[in-house]
Amino acid sequence: MITLTLPVPPQRANDRSHWTKVMREKKKYYEECVYSILNQTRGLKLVHPYSPSNGIIKSWTTPWEYIEWEASMDVQRLHDFDNLVARLKWPIDALVQNGIIKNDDWLHCRPRKFPTQVLKSKKTDKRELRITLSPREKFE
């Protein structure tokens, strides 16, 4: 199990921006995630408990195939369910792109519980997204 702290993704609900602007924002967010992930996982090696040969050491060059995740996001105002889950798309995609998890489809990646929100004032300097990843056996 590992907890990663990522930048909070931009609020995209009801945004009607041009697709090139959205792609630039997404690319910038992915780059921020890359630096954040590299800083937090430098030299980290994890034992994957469900590997075929128990005790095999896996590094971040070998993504976890099946994971459960939990998320907690600092927000300025509470979001409803669909906007909160939609806002987690870019961070989960960034984890796939960076090789942390193999795939983000329902067969490989599932939330352990509903994502939580922590209210922070607008004057707060730093808002963060904390994602806890836990490897597990294949989902039923």
Protein backbone atom coordinates (compact mmCIF):
# COMPACT_ATOMS: atom_id res chain seq x y z
CA MET A 1 0.00 0.00 0.00
CA ILE A 2 1.23 3.47 -0.83
CA THR A 3 -0.24 6.95 -0.48
CA LEU A 4 0.65 9.51 -3.13
CA THR A 5 0.03 13.23 -2.84
CA LEU A 6 -0.85 14.81 -6.17
CA PRO A 7 -1.86 18.30 -7.24
CA VAL A 8 -5.60 18.95 -7.22
CA PRO A 9 -6.93 18.70 -10.80
CA PRO A 10 -8.69 21.72 -12.28
CA GLN A 11 -12.45 22.00 -11.92
CA ARG A 12 -13.85 21.08 -15.35
CA ALA A 13 -17.57 20.82 -14.58
CA ASN A 14 -19.62 22.66 -17.21
CA ASP A 15 -16.46 23.99 -18.85
CA ARG A 16 -16.95 24.58 -22.56
CA SER A 17 -13.37 25.42 -23.49
CA HIS A 18 -11.86 24.61 -26.86
CA TRP A 19 -10.39 21.12 -27.01
CA THR A 20 -6.84 22.44 -27.55
CA LYS A 21 -7.05 24.45 -24.31
CA VAL A 22 -8.30 21.38 -22.45
CA MET A 23 -5.46 19.27 -23.86
CA ARG A 24 -2.86 21.89 -22.81
CA GLU A 25 -4.30 21.90 -19.28
CA LYS A 26 -4.32 18.11 -19.19
CA LYS A 27 -0.71 17.90 -20.41
CA LYS A 28 0.38 20.45 -17.79
CA TYR A 29 -1.45 18.51 -15.06
CA TYR A 30 0.16 15.22 -16.16
CA GLU A 31 3.62 16.86 -16.03
CA GLU A 32 2.93 18.11 -12.49
CA CYS A 33 1.88 14.58 -11.54
CA VAL A 34 5.06 13.10 -13.06
CA TYR A 35 7.28 15.33 -10.91
CA SER A 36 5.19 14.66 -7.83
CA ILE A 37 5.22 10.88 -8.34
CA LEU A 38 8.96 10.78 -9.09
CA ASN A 39 9.76 12.78 -5.96
CA GLN A 40 7.64 10.51 -3.77
CA THR A 41 8.72 7.16 -5.23
CA ARG A 42 12.43 7.77 -5.79
CA GLY A 43 14.26 4.60 -4.82
CA LEU A 44 11.07 2.99 -3.57
CA LYS A 45 10.64 -0.72 -4.17
CA LEU A 46 7.48 -2.52 -3.18
CA VAL A 47 6.78 -6.15 -2.43
CA HIS A 48 3.73 -7.20 -4.38
CA PRO A 49 1.82 -9.60 -2.09
CA TYR A 50 -0.17 -11.24 -4.89
CA SER A 51 2.63 -11.96 -7.34
CA PRO A 52 2.90 -15.49 -8.78
CA SER A 53 6.21 -16.04 -6.97
CA ASN A 54 5.61 -14.60 -3.50
CA GLY A 55 8.03 -11.94 -2.40
CA ILE A 56 9.02 -10.74 -5.87
CA ILE A 57 10.20 -7.16 -5.72
CA LYS A 58 8.30 -4.82 -7.99
CA SER A 59 9.41 -1.31 -8.72
CA TRP A 60 7.44 1.38 -10.47
CA THR A 61 8.70 0.07 -13.80
CA THR A 62 6.27 -2.82 -13.29
CA PRO A 63 2.73 -1.50 -12.70
CA TRP A 64 0.31 -3.13 -10.31
CA GLU A 65 -2.28 -5.08 -12.25
CA TYR A 66 -5.16 -5.00 -9.77
CA ILE A 67 -5.60 -2.19 -7.26
CA GLU A 68 -8.12 -0.66 -4.92
CA TRP A 69 -7.85 3.06 -4.27
CA GLU A 70 -9.07 5.66 -1.81
CA ALA A 71 -8.96 9.39 -2.44
CA SER A 72 -9.20 12.49 -0.30
CA MET A 73 -9.21 15.91 -1.95
CA ASP A 74 -8.86 19.40 -0.48
CA VAL A 75 -11.64 21.54 -1.97
CA GLN A 76 -12.92 25.11 -1.62
CA ARG A 77 -16.53 23.96 -1.69
CA LEU A 78 -18.16 20.54 -1.53
CA HIS A 79 -18.88 18.80 -4.82
CA ASP A 80 -21.76 16.52 -5.62
CA PHE A 81 -21.03 12.88 -6.43
CA ASP A 82 -20.75 13.04 -10.22
CA ASN A 83 -18.50 16.13 -10.25
CA LEU A 84 -16.23 14.68 -7.56
CA VAL A 85 -15.75 11.41 -9.42
CA ALA A 86 -15.27 13.22 -12.75
CA ARG A 87 -12.60 15.39 -11.15
CA LEU A 88 -10.63 12.25 -10.26
CA LYS A 89 -10.35 11.12 -13.90
CA TRP A 90 -7.16 13.03 -14.71
CA PRO A 91 -5.28 11.84 -11.58
CA ILE A 92 -6.20 8.19 -12.21
CA ASP A 93 -5.22 8.55 -15.88
CA ALA A 94 -1.91 10.11 -14.77
CA LEU A 95 -1.21 7.04 -12.62
CA VAL A 96 -1.79 4.80 -15.62
CA GLN A 97 0.34 6.99 -17.89
CA ASN A 98 3.19 6.96 -15.35
CA GLY A 99 3.13 3.18 -15.00
CA ILE A 100 1.89 3.02 -11.42
CA ILE A 101 -1.19 1.01 -12.31
CA LYS A 102 -1.66 -1.16 -15.37
CA ASN A 103 -5.18 -0.16 -16.39
CA ASP A 104 -7.95 1.98 -14.95
CA ASP A 105 -10.89 -0.06 -16.21
CA TRP A 106 -13.34 -1.67 -13.79
CA LEU A 107 -11.63 -5.07 -14.05
CA HIS A 108 -8.31 -3.72 -12.74
CA CYS A 109 -8.99 -0.59 -10.69
CA ARG A 110 -11.79 0.02 -8.19
CA PRO A 111 -12.45 2.50 -5.40
CA ARG A 112 -12.42 1.00 -1.92
CA LYS A 113 -14.83 3.65 -0.65
CA PHE A 114 -16.41 6.91 -1.72
CA PRO A 115 -13.82 9.71 -2.19
CA THR A 116 -13.74 12.18 0.68
CA GLN A 117 -13.57 15.97 0.54
CA VAL A 118 -11.77 18.25 2.99
CA LEU A 119 -12.90 21.87 3.01
CA LYS A 120 -10.05 24.37 2.78
CA SER A 121 -10.44 28.12 2.68
CA LYS A 122 -9.53 30.08 -0.44
CA LYS A 123 -6.60 31.58 1.48
CA THR A 124 -5.03 28.16 2.01
CA ASP A 125 -1.75 28.03 0.12
CA LYS A 126 -1.78 24.41 -0.90
CA ARG A 127 -4.58 22.08 -1.81
CA GLU A 128 -3.72 18.42 -2.33
CA LEU A 129 -5.20 15.19 -3.57
CA ARG A 130 -4.18 12.13 -1.59
CA ILE A 131 -4.63 8.75 -3.27
CA THR A 132 -3.94 5.51 -1.41
CA LEU A 133 -3.29 2.52 -3.65
CA SER A 134 -3.52 -1.06 -2.41
CA PRO A 135 -2.60 -4.06 -4.57
CA ARG A 136 -4.97 -6.98 -4.48
CA GLU A 137 -5.83 -10.21 -6.18
CA LYS A 138 -8.00 -10.31 -9.26
CA PHE A 139 -11.48 -8.89 -8.80
CA GLU A 140 -14.43 -11.24 -8.97
